[in-house]
């Protein structure tokens, strides 16, 4: 099983940019929703700031996308 690290500058610049832009949008609207993931994002935003939170969300989204593609299954959000 490969070890997944954070988002580095060695990968595809355009893909990383898209993931981080998406992460910024998710952080911006997280306070409008009340579920487990958005609560995690709000707590992270309060402690670390918007930019670090956006990169953390981008990393989480990249891991989810990787898992969905490698397992060839549909995404199932945690209950």
Protein backbone atom coordinates (compact mmCIF):
# COMPACT_ATOMS: atom_id res chain seq x y z
CA UNK A 1 0.00 0.00 0.00
CA UNK A 2 1.53 3.35 -1.01
CA UNK A 3 2.16 6.02 1.60
CA UNK A 4 0.12 9.12 0.85
CA UNK A 5 1.77 12.37 1.84
CA UNK A 6 0.59 15.97 1.68
CA UNK A 7 0.15 18.06 -1.42
CA UNK A 8 3.66 18.79 -2.69
CA UNK A 9 4.96 21.08 -5.41
CA UNK A 10 6.39 18.09 -7.31
CA UNK A 11 3.05 17.07 -8.81
CA UNK A 12 0.81 18.57 -11.45
CA UNK A 13 0.65 22.31 -10.80
CA UNK A 14 -2.70 22.79 -12.51
CA UNK A 15 -4.37 19.93 -10.61
CA UNK A 16 -2.97 21.19 -7.31
CA UNK A 17 -4.28 24.70 -8.11
CA UNK A 18 -7.75 23.35 -8.83
CA UNK A 19 -7.78 21.30 -5.63
CA UNK A 20 -6.74 24.31 -3.53
CA UNK A 21 -9.27 26.62 -5.19
CA UNK A 22 -11.94 24.05 -4.41
CA UNK A 23 -10.65 23.80 -0.84
CA UNK A 24 -10.88 27.59 -0.43
CA UNK A 25 -14.49 27.51 -1.59
CA UNK A 26 -15.35 24.70 0.82
CA UNK A 27 -13.72 26.57 3.74
CA UNK A 28 -15.61 29.74 2.79
CA UNK A 29 -19.05 28.06 2.91
CA UNK A 30 -18.39 25.58 5.75
CA UNK A 31 -20.15 27.75 8.33
CA UNK A 32 -23.45 27.39 6.41
CA UNK A 33 -23.57 23.63 6.96
CA UNK A 34 -23.67 21.53 10.11
CA UNK A 35 -22.25 18.09 9.51
CA UNK A 36 -19.18 16.18 10.67
CA UNK A 37 -16.86 17.25 7.85
CA UNK A 38 -17.87 20.92 7.94
CA UNK A 39 -17.49 20.99 11.72
CA UNK A 40 -13.93 19.67 11.25
CA UNK A 41 -13.27 22.40 8.68
CA UNK A 42 -14.67 25.15 10.94
CA UNK A 43 -12.54 23.97 13.88
CA UNK A 44 -9.43 23.77 11.68
CA UNK A 45 -10.13 27.25 10.30
CA UNK A 46 -10.36 28.73 13.79
CA UNK A 47 -7.05 27.20 14.89
CA UNK A 48 -4.92 27.28 11.73
CA UNK A 49 -6.38 29.92 9.42
CA UNK A 50 -8.06 29.90 6.04
CA UNK A 51 -5.09 29.05 3.81
CA UNK A 52 -3.90 26.05 5.82
CA UNK A 53 -7.49 24.86 6.12
CA UNK A 54 -7.93 25.14 2.36
CA UNK A 55 -4.82 23.04 1.71
CA UNK A 56 -5.98 20.46 4.29
CA UNK A 57 -9.37 20.22 2.57
CA UNK A 58 -7.65 19.95 -0.83
CA UNK A 59 -5.47 17.13 0.50
CA UNK A 60 -8.51 15.32 1.92
CA UNK A 61 -10.39 15.72 -1.38
CA UNK A 62 -7.37 14.37 -3.29
CA UNK A 63 -7.22 11.33 -1.00
CA UNK A 64 -10.94 10.69 -1.44
CA UNK A 65 -10.63 11.00 -5.23
CA UNK A 66 -7.63 8.65 -5.22
CA UNK A 67 -9.51 6.07 -3.12
CA UNK A 68 -12.61 6.24 -5.33
CA UNK A 69 -10.53 5.82 -8.49
CA UNK A 70 -8.35 2.99 -7.22
CA UNK A 71 -11.16 0.99 -5.61
CA UNK A 72 -13.53 1.67 -8.54
CA UNK A 73 -16.44 2.20 -6.14
CA UNK A 74 -18.93 5.00 -5.61
CA UNK A 75 -18.20 7.60 -2.95
CA UNK A 76 -20.02 6.96 0.32
CA UNK A 77 -19.96 9.87 2.77
CA UNK A 78 -19.53 8.97 6.43
CA UNK A 79 -22.79 8.92 8.34
